[in-house]
Amino acid sequence: MKVKNLTVNINMQTNEEDYEQTINPFEAREMLIDVLRCASQDKHIIGQKVIIPDDCEKYGFVEGNFDVSVMIHFLADMLE
């Protein structure tokens, strides 16, 4: 997947109540999944590493050195 141009329009005058009426939780989750999948394939992210220290087990992460793009794609898969 290649994204050449991406335009995001943000209406700063929309309040939370309007947002809740225009998007449902399923749509919000689907958008997040799509964004994570795009990010995982970005050439600037592929090959980057993240080091998770040993005290992060309480957050559900295992200590180690991980590929960022793989982690992002895995998160998208788990959310789906």
PDB file of N, CA and C in Angstrom:
ATOM      1  N   MET A   1       0.849  -1.165   0.000  1.00  0.00           N
ATOM      2  CA  MET A   1       0.000   0.000   0.000  1.00  0.00           C
ATOM      3  C   MET A   1       0.896   1.231   0.000  1.00  0.00           C
ATOM      4  N   LYS A   2       0.590   2.152  -0.885  1.00  0.00           N
ATOM      5  CA  LYS A   2       1.324   3.407  -0.930  1.00  0.00           C
ATOM      6  C   LYS A   2       0.352   4.549  -0.740  1.00  0.00           C
ATOM      7  N   VAL A   3       0.745   5.496   0.065  1.00  0.00           N
ATOM      8  CA  VAL A   3      -0.052   6.697   0.265  1.00  0.00           C
ATOM      9  C   VAL A   3       0.792   7.858  -0.228  1.00  0.00           C
ATOM     10  N   LYS A   4       0.359   8.476  -1.326  1.00  0.00           N
ATOM     11  CA  LYS A   4       1.121   9.599  -1.866  1.00  0.00           C
ATOM     12  C   LYS A   4       0.667  10.910  -1.256  1.00  0.00           C
ATOM     13  N   ASN A   5      -0.616  11.103  -1.194  1.00  0.00           N
ATOM     14  CA  ASN A   5      -1.164  12.344  -0.638  1.00  0.00           C
ATOM     15  C   ASN A   5      -2.230  11.988   0.381  1.00  0.00           C
ATOM     16  N   LEU A   6      -2.161  12.606   1.511  1.00  0.00           N
ATOM     17  CA  LEU A   6      -3.145  12.382   2.566  1.00  0.00           C
ATOM     18  C   LEU A   6      -3.587  13.737   3.081  1.00  0.00           C
ATOM     19  N   THR A   7      -4.883  13.963   3.007  1.00  0.00           N
ATOM     20  CA  THR A   7      -5.438  15.211   3.501  1.00  0.00           C
ATOM     21  C   THR A   7      -6.334  14.916   4.681  1.00  0.00           C
ATOM     22  N   VAL A   8      -6.102  15.623   5.766  1.00  0.00           N
ATOM     23  CA  VAL A   8      -6.924  15.465   6.958  1.00  0.00           C
ATOM     24  C   VAL A   8      -7.518  16.832   7.270  1.00  0.00           C
ATOM     25  N   ASN A   9      -8.839  16.881   7.299  1.00  0.00           N
ATOM     26  CA  ASN A   9      -9.535  18.113   7.652  1.00  0.00           C
ATOM     27  C   ASN A   9     -10.009  18.005   9.091  1.00  0.00           C
ATOM     28  N   ILE A  10      -9.642  18.984   9.892  1.00  0.00           N
ATOM     29  CA  ILE A  10     -10.033  18.987  11.297  1.00  0.00           C
ATOM     30  C   ILE A  10     -10.845  20.245  11.565  1.00  0.00           C
ATOM     31  N   ASN A  11     -12.038  20.038  12.059  1.00  0.00           N
ATOM     32  CA  ASN A  11     -12.900  21.159  12.430  1.00  0.00           C
ATOM     33  C   ASN A  11     -12.755  21.363  13.926  1.00  0.00           C
ATOM     34  N   MET A  12     -12.036  22.384  14.316  1.00  0.00           N
ATOM     35  CA  MET A  12     -11.748  22.620  15.729  1.00  0.00           C
ATOM     36  C   MET A  12     -12.974  23.122  16.498  1.00  0.00           C
ATOM     37  N   GLN A  13     -14.048  23.481  15.797  1.00  0.00           N
ATOM     38  CA  GLN A  13     -15.230  23.991  16.467  1.00  0.00           C
ATOM     39  C   GLN A  13     -16.220  22.892  16.819  1.00  0.00           C
ATOM     40  N   THR A  14     -15.921  21.661  16.437  1.00  0.00           N
ATOM     41  CA  THR A  14     -16.809  20.549  16.754  1.00  0.00           C
ATOM     42  C   THR A  14     -16.641  20.186  18.223  1.00  0.00           C
ATOM     43  N   ASN A  15     -17.740  20.101  18.932  1.00  0.00           N
ATOM     44  CA  ASN A  15     -17.639  19.712  20.330  1.00  0.00           C
ATOM     45  C   ASN A  15     -17.779  18.198  20.459  1.00  0.00           C
ATOM     46  N   GLU A  16     -17.538  17.687  21.630  1.00  0.00           N
ATOM     47  CA  GLU A  16     -17.552  16.241  21.862  1.00  0.00           C
ATOM     48  C   GLU A  16     -18.919  15.623  21.556  1.00  0.00           C
ATOM     49  N   GLU A  17     -19.974  16.335  21.852  1.00  0.00           N
ATOM     50  CA  GLU A  17     -21.313  15.805  21.603  1.00  0.00           C
ATOM     51  C   GLU A  17     -21.553  15.613  20.105  1.00  0.00           C
ATOM     52  N   ASP A  18     -21.117  16.576  19.291  1.00  0.00           N
ATOM     53  CA  ASP A  18     -21.251  16.448  17.835  1.00  0.00           C
ATOM     54  C   ASP A  18     -20.445  15.261  17.326  1.00  0.00           C
ATOM     55  N   TYR A  19     -19.234  15.085  17.860  1.00  0.00           N
ATOM     56  CA  TYR A  19     -18.376  13.975  17.450  1.00  0.00           C
ATOM     57  C   TYR A  19     -19.052  12.645  17.748  1.00  0.00           C
ATOM     58  N   GLU A  20     -19.612  12.517  18.928  1.00  0.00           N
ATOM     59  CA  GLU A  20     -20.257  11.266  19.317  1.00  0.00           C
ATOM     60  C   GLU A  20     -21.466  10.958  18.441  1.00  0.00           C
ATOM     61  N   GLN A  21     -22.092  11.969  17.868  1.00  0.00           N
ATOM     62  CA  GLN A  21     -23.239  11.753  17.004  1.00  0.00           C
ATOM     63  C   GLN A  21     -22.832  11.393  15.582  1.00  0.00           C
ATOM     64  N   THR A  22     -21.624  11.719  15.188  1.00  0.00           N
ATOM     65  CA  THR A  22     -21.208  11.494  13.805  1.00  0.00           C
ATOM     66  C   THR A  22     -20.393  10.227  13.612  1.00  0.00           C
ATOM     67  N   ILE A  23     -19.868   9.659  14.661  1.00  0.00           N
ATOM     68  CA  ILE A  23     -19.043   8.457  14.514  1.00  0.00           C
ATOM     69  C   ILE A  23     -19.364   7.487  15.640  1.00  0.00           C
ATOM     70  N   ASN A  24     -19.491   6.232  15.264  1.00  0.00           N
ATOM     71  CA  ASN A  24     -19.763   5.233  16.289  1.00  0.00           C
ATOM     72  C   ASN A  24     -18.462   4.548  16.691  1.00  0.00           C
ATOM     73  N   PRO A  25     -18.448   3.844  17.814  1.00  0.00           N
ATOM     74  CA  PRO A  25     -17.216   3.203  18.295  1.00  0.00           C
ATOM     75  C   PRO A  25     -16.608   2.223  17.291  1.00  0.00           C
ATOM     76  N   PHE A  26     -17.445   1.517  16.538  1.00  0.00           N
ATOM     77  CA  PHE A  26     -16.924   0.581  15.540  1.00  0.00           C
ATOM     78  C   PHE A  26     -16.153   1.325  14.452  1.00  0.00           C
ATOM     79  N   GLU A  27     -16.707   2.436  13.979  1.00  0.00           N
ATOM     80  CA  GLU A  27     -16.030   3.221  12.944  1.00  0.00           C
ATOM     81  C   GLU A  27     -14.722   3.798  13.471  1.00  0.00           C
ATOM     82  N   ALA A  28     -14.723   4.263  14.700  1.00  0.00           N
ATOM     83  CA  ALA A  28     -13.508   4.815  15.287  1.00  0.00           C
ATOM     84  C   ALA A  28     -12.424   3.746  15.375  1.00  0.00           C
ATOM     85  N   ARG A  29     -12.808   2.548  15.773  1.00  0.00           N
ATOM     86  CA  ARG A  29     -11.849   1.443  15.880  1.00  0.00           C
ATOM     87  C   ARG A  29     -11.312   1.064  14.503  1.00  0.00           C
ATOM     88  N   GLU A  30     -12.192   1.010  13.501  1.00  0.00           N
ATOM     89  CA  GLU A  30     -11.765   0.691  12.139  1.00  0.00           C
ATOM     90  C   GLU A  30     -10.789   1.735  11.604  1.00  0.00           C
ATOM     91  N   MET A  31     -11.043   3.003  11.898  1.00  0.00           N
ATOM     92  CA  MET A  31     -10.125   4.059  11.469  1.00  0.00           C
ATOM     93  C   MET A  31      -8.763   3.885  12.138  1.00  0.00           C
ATOM     94  N   LEU A  32      -8.762   3.571  13.413  1.00  0.00           N
ATOM     95  CA  LEU A  32      -7.500   3.356  14.130  1.00  0.00           C
ATOM     96  C   LEU A  32      -6.728   2.194  13.528  1.00  0.00           C
ATOM     97  N   ILE A  33      -7.416   1.109  13.229  1.00  0.00           N
ATOM     98  CA  ILE A  33      -6.774  -0.060  12.617  1.00  0.00           C
ATOM     99  C   ILE A  33      -6.151   0.315  11.278  1.00  0.00           C
ATOM    100  N   ASP A  34      -6.885   1.054  10.449  1.00  0.00           N
ATOM    101  CA  ASP A  34      -6.366   1.467   9.144  1.00  0.00           C
ATOM    102  C   ASP A  34      -5.135   2.355   9.285  1.00  0.00           C
ATOM    103  N   VAL A  35      -5.176   3.294  10.218  1.00  0.00           N
ATOM    104  CA  VAL A  35      -4.037   4.192  10.435  1.00  0.00           C
ATOM    105  C   VAL A  35      -2.815   3.409  10.917  1.00  0.00           C
ATOM    106  N   LEU A  36      -3.027   2.473  11.826  1.00  0.00           N
ATOM    107  CA  LEU A  36      -1.910   1.663  12.328  1.00  0.00           C
ATOM    108  C   LEU A  36      -1.295   0.829  11.210  1.00  0.00           C
ATOM    109  N   ARG A  37      -2.136   0.255  10.351  1.00  0.00           N
ATOM    110  CA  ARG A  37      -1.607  -0.547   9.235  1.00  0.00           C
ATOM    111  C   ARG A  37      -0.801   0.321   8.270  1.00  0.00           C
ATOM    112  N   CYS A  38      -1.303   1.515   7.982  1.00  0.00           N
ATOM    113  CA  CYS A  38      -0.543   2.435   7.113  1.00  0.00           C
ATOM    114  C   CYS A  38       0.788   2.799   7.756  1.00  0.00           C
ATOM    115  N   ALA A  39       0.751   3.131   9.032  1.00  0.00           N
ATOM    116  CA  ALA A  39       1.973   3.519   9.739  1.00  0.00           C
ATOM    117  C   ALA A  39       2.988   2.374   9.753  1.00  0.00           C
ATOM    118  N   SER A  40       2.505   1.153   9.892  1.00  0.00           N
ATOM    119  CA  SER A  40       3.425   0.009   9.958  1.00  0.00           C
ATOM    120  C   SER A  40       4.154  -0.219   8.638  1.00  0.00           C
ATOM    121  N   GLN A  41       3.629   0.320   7.557  1.00  0.00           N
ATOM    122  CA  GLN A  41       4.252   0.142   6.247  1.00  0.00           C
ATOM    123  C   GLN A  41       5.021   1.379   5.784  1.00  0.00           C
ATOM    124  N   ASP A  42       5.092   2.390   6.629  1.00  0.00           N
ATOM    125  CA  ASP A  42       5.800   3.620   6.291  1.00  0.00           C
ATOM    126  C   ASP A  42       7.304   3.365   6.255  1.00  0.00           C
ATOM    127  N   LYS A  43       7.957   3.820   5.188  1.00  0.00           N
ATOM    128  CA  LYS A  43       9.395   3.574   5.032  1.00  0.00           C
ATOM    129  C   LYS A  43      10.228   4.225   6.131  1.00  0.00           C
ATOM    130  N   HIS A  44       9.695   5.251   6.783  1.00  0.00           N
ATOM    131  CA  HIS A  44      10.424   5.913   7.862  1.00  0.00           C
ATOM    132  C   HIS A  44      10.334   5.119   9.173  1.00  0.00           C
ATOM    133  N   ILE A  45       9.377   4.227   9.265  1.00  0.00           N
ATOM    134  CA  ILE A  45       9.183   3.440  10.486  1.00  0.00           C
ATOM    135  C   ILE A  45       9.779   2.041  10.354  1.00  0.00           C
ATOM    136  N   ILE A  46       9.710   1.487   9.147  1.00  0.00           N
ATOM    137  CA  ILE A  46      10.247   0.137   8.921  1.00  0.00           C
ATOM    138  C   ILE A  46      11.724   0.121   9.298  1.00  0.00           C
ATOM    139  N   GLY A  47      12.094  -0.853  10.080  1.00  0.00           N
ATOM    140  CA  GLY A  47      13.489  -1.012  10.494  1.00  0.00           C
ATOM    141  C   GLY A  47      13.840  -0.322  11.800  1.00  0.00           C
ATOM    142  N   GLN A  48      12.966   0.528  12.292  1.00  0.00           N
ATOM    143  CA  GLN A  48      13.241   1.164  13.576  1.00  0.00           C
ATOM    144  C   GLN A  48      13.009   0.167  14.701  1.00  0.00           C
ATOM    145  N   LYS A  49      13.747   0.326  15.758  1.00  0.00           N
ATOM    146  CA  LYS A  49      13.652  -0.575  16.910  1.00  0.00           C
ATOM    147  C   LYS A  49      13.192   0.182  18.142  1.00  0.00           C
ATOM    148  N   VAL A  50      12.535  -0.530  19.022  1.00  0.00           N
ATOM    149  CA  VAL A  50      12.160   0.023  20.317  1.00  0.00           C
ATOM    150  C   VAL A  50      12.653  -0.954  21.373  1.00  0.00           C
ATOM    151  N   ILE A  51      13.217  -0.421  22.433  1.00  0.00           N
ATOM    152  CA  ILE A  51      13.701  -1.254  23.531  1.00  0.00           C
ATOM    153  C   ILE A  51      12.719  -1.114  24.687  1.00  0.00           C
ATOM    154  N   ILE A  52      12.165  -2.234  25.091  1.00  0.00           N
ATOM    155  CA  ILE A  52      11.232  -2.245  26.216  1.00  0.00           C
ATOM    156  C   ILE A  52      11.996  -2.745  27.434  1.00  0.00           C
ATOM    157  N   PRO A  53      12.107  -1.904  28.476  1.00  0.00           N
ATOM    158  CA  PRO A  53      12.849  -2.306  29.664  1.00  0.00           C
ATOM    159  C   PRO A  53      12.112  -3.375  30.469  1.00  0.00           C
ATOM    160  N   ASP A  54      12.840  -3.974  31.405  1.00  0.00           N
ATOM    161  CA  ASP A  54      12.286  -5.109  32.149  1.00  0.00           C
ATOM    162  C   ASP A  54      11.183  -4.748  33.133  1.00  0.00           C
ATOM    163  N   ASP A  55      10.978  -3.476  33.439  1.00  0.00           N
ATOM    164  CA  ASP A  55       9.945  -3.121  34.414  1.00  0.00           C
ATOM    165  C   ASP A  55       8.586  -2.801  33.756  1.00  0.00           C
ATOM    166  N   CYS A  56       8.400  -3.189  32.495  1.00  0.00           N
ATOM    167  CA  CYS A  56       7.153  -2.883  31.784  1.00  0.00           C
ATOM    168  C   CYS A  56       6.160  -4.047  31.775  1.00  0.00           C
ATOM    169  N   GLU A  57       6.468  -5.113  32.494  1.00  0.00           N
ATOM    170  CA  GLU A  57       5.541  -6.244  32.543  1.00  0.00           C
ATOM    171  C   GLU A  57       4.185  -5.839  33.110  1.00  0.00           C
ATOM    172  N   LYS A  58       4.198  -4.874  34.028  1.00  0.00           N
ATOM    173  CA  LYS A  58       2.938  -4.427  34.630  1.00  0.00           C
ATOM    174  C   LYS A  58       2.010  -3.791  33.597  1.00  0.00           C
ATOM    175  N   TYR A  59       2.568  -3.379  32.447  1.00  0.00           N
ATOM    176  CA  TYR A  59       1.764  -2.818  31.359  1.00  0.00           C
ATOM    177  C   TYR A  59       1.473  -3.848  30.267  1.00  0.00           C
ATOM    178  N   GLY A  60       1.927  -5.072  30.474  1.00  0.00           N
ATOM    179  CA  GLY A  60       1.662  -6.134  29.513  1.00  0.00           C
ATOM    180  C   GLY A  60       2.726  -6.296  28.440  1.00  0.00           C
ATOM    181  N   PHE A  61       3.896  -5.675  28.626  1.00  0.00           N
ATOM    182  CA  PHE A  61       4.962  -5.783  27.636  1.00  0.00           C
ATOM    183  C   PHE A  61       6.111  -6.625  28.170  1.00  0.00           C
ATOM    184  N   VAL A  62       6.704  -7.385  27.291  1.00  0.00           N
ATOM    185  CA  VAL A  62       7.837  -8.222  27.646  1.00  0.00           C
ATOM    186  C   VAL A  62       9.122  -7.462  27.316  1.00  0.00           C
ATOM    187  N   GLU A  63      10.100  -7.616  28.166  1.00  0.00           N
ATOM    188  CA  GLU A  63      11.396  -6.974  27.947  1.00  0.00           C
ATOM    189  C   GLU A  63      11.994  -7.451  26.633  1.00  0.00           C
ATOM    190  N   GLY A  64      12.619  -6.527  25.912  1.00  0.00           N
ATOM    191  CA  GLY A  64      13.302  -6.916  24.685  1.00  0.00           C
ATOM    192  C   GLY A  64      13.478  -5.772  23.710  1.00  0.00           C
ATOM    193  N   ASN A  65      14.057  -6.115  22.566  1.00  0.00           N
ATOM    194  CA  ASN A  65      14.325  -5.196  21.476  1.00  0.00           C
ATOM    195  C   ASN A  65      13.411  -5.602  20.326  1.00  0.00           C
ATOM    196  N   PHE A  66      12.520  -4.712  19.894  1.00  0.00           N
ATOM    197  CA  PHE A  66      11.489  -5.080  18.935  1.00  0.00           C
ATOM    198  C   PHE A  66      11.464  -4.139  17.734  1.00  0.00           C
ATOM    199  N   ASP A  67      10.995  -4.662  16.614  1.00  0.00           N
ATOM    200  CA  ASP A  67      10.802  -3.886  15.395  1.00  0.00           C
ATOM    201  C   ASP A  67       9.499  -3.097  15.524  1.00  0.00           C
ATOM    202  N   VAL A  68       9.566  -1.780  15.397  1.00  0.00           N
ATOM    203  CA  VAL A  68       8.407  -0.909  15.591  1.00  0.00           C
ATOM    204  C   VAL A  68       7.306  -1.233  14.591  1.00  0.00           C
ATOM    205  N   SER A  69       7.649  -1.406  13.325  1.00  0.00           N
ATOM    206  CA  SER A  69       6.625  -1.654  12.315  1.00  0.00           C
ATOM    207  C   SER A  69       5.894  -2.972  12.568  1.00  0.00           C
ATOM    208  N   VAL A  70       6.597  -3.976  13.029  1.00  0.00           N
ATOM    209  CA  VAL A  70       5.969  -5.255  13.344  1.00  0.00           C
ATOM    210  C   VAL A  70       5.037  -5.114  14.541  1.00  0.00           C
ATOM    211  N   MET A  71       5.473  -4.368  15.541  1.00  0.00           N
ATOM    212  CA  MET A  71       4.625  -4.158  16.721  1.00  0.00           C
ATOM    213  C   MET A  71       3.343  -3.400  16.364  1.00  0.00           C
ATOM    214  N   ILE A  72       3.472  -2.380  15.519  1.00  0.00           N
ATOM    215  CA  ILE A  72       2.298  -1.598  15.116  1.00  0.00           C
ATOM    216  C   ILE A  72       1.326  -2.457  14.320  1.00  0.00           C
ATOM    217  N   HIS A  73       1.853  -3.260  13.410  1.00  0.00           N
ATOM    218  CA  HIS A  73       0.989  -4.143  12.610  1.00  0.00           C
ATOM    219  C   HIS A  73       0.323  -5.187  13.507  1.00  0.00           C
ATOM    220  N   PHE A  74       1.066  -5.720  14.457  1.00  0.00           N
ATOM    221  CA  PHE A  74       0.504  -6.686  15.397  1.00  0.00           C
ATOM    222  C   PHE A  74      -0.629  -6.064  16.197  1.00  0.00           C
ATOM    223  N   LEU A  75      -0.444  -4.828  16.656  1.00  0.00           N
ATOM    224  CA  LEU A  75      -1.493  -4.138  17.407  1.00  0.00           C
ATOM    225  C   LEU A  75      -2.754  -3.966  16.544  1.00  0.00           C
ATOM    226  N   ALA A  76      -2.570  -3.607  15.277  1.00  0.00           N
ATOM    227  CA  ALA A  76      -3.715  -3.473  14.359  1.00  0.00           C
ATOM    228  C   ALA A  76      -4.444  -4.804  14.226  1.00  0.00           C
ATOM    229  N   ASP A  77      -3.686  -5.897  14.087  1.00  0.00           N
ATOM    230  CA  ASP A  77      -4.304  -7.228  13.983  1.00  0.00           C
ATOM    231  C   ASP A  77      -5.087  -7.577  15.238  1.00  0.00           C
ATOM    232  N   MET A  78      -4.531  -7.251  16.389  1.00  0.00           N
ATOM    233  CA  MET A  78      -5.215  -7.576  17.644  1.00  0.00           C
ATOM    234  C   MET A  78      -6.484  -6.746  17.837  1.00  0.00           C
ATOM    235  N   LEU A  79      -6.467  -5.512  17.374  1.00  0.00           N
ATOM    236  CA  LEU A  79      -7.652  -4.657  17.480  1.00  0.00           C
ATOM    237  C   LEU A  79      -8.760  -5.107  16.521  1.00  0.00           C
ATOM    238  N   GLU A  80      -8.338  -5.721  15.425  1.00  0.00           N
ATOM    239  CA  GLU A  80      -9.335  -6.186  14.449  1.00  0.00           C
ATOM    240  C   GLU A  80     -10.042  -7.397  14.983  1.00  0.00           C
TER     241      GLU A  80
END
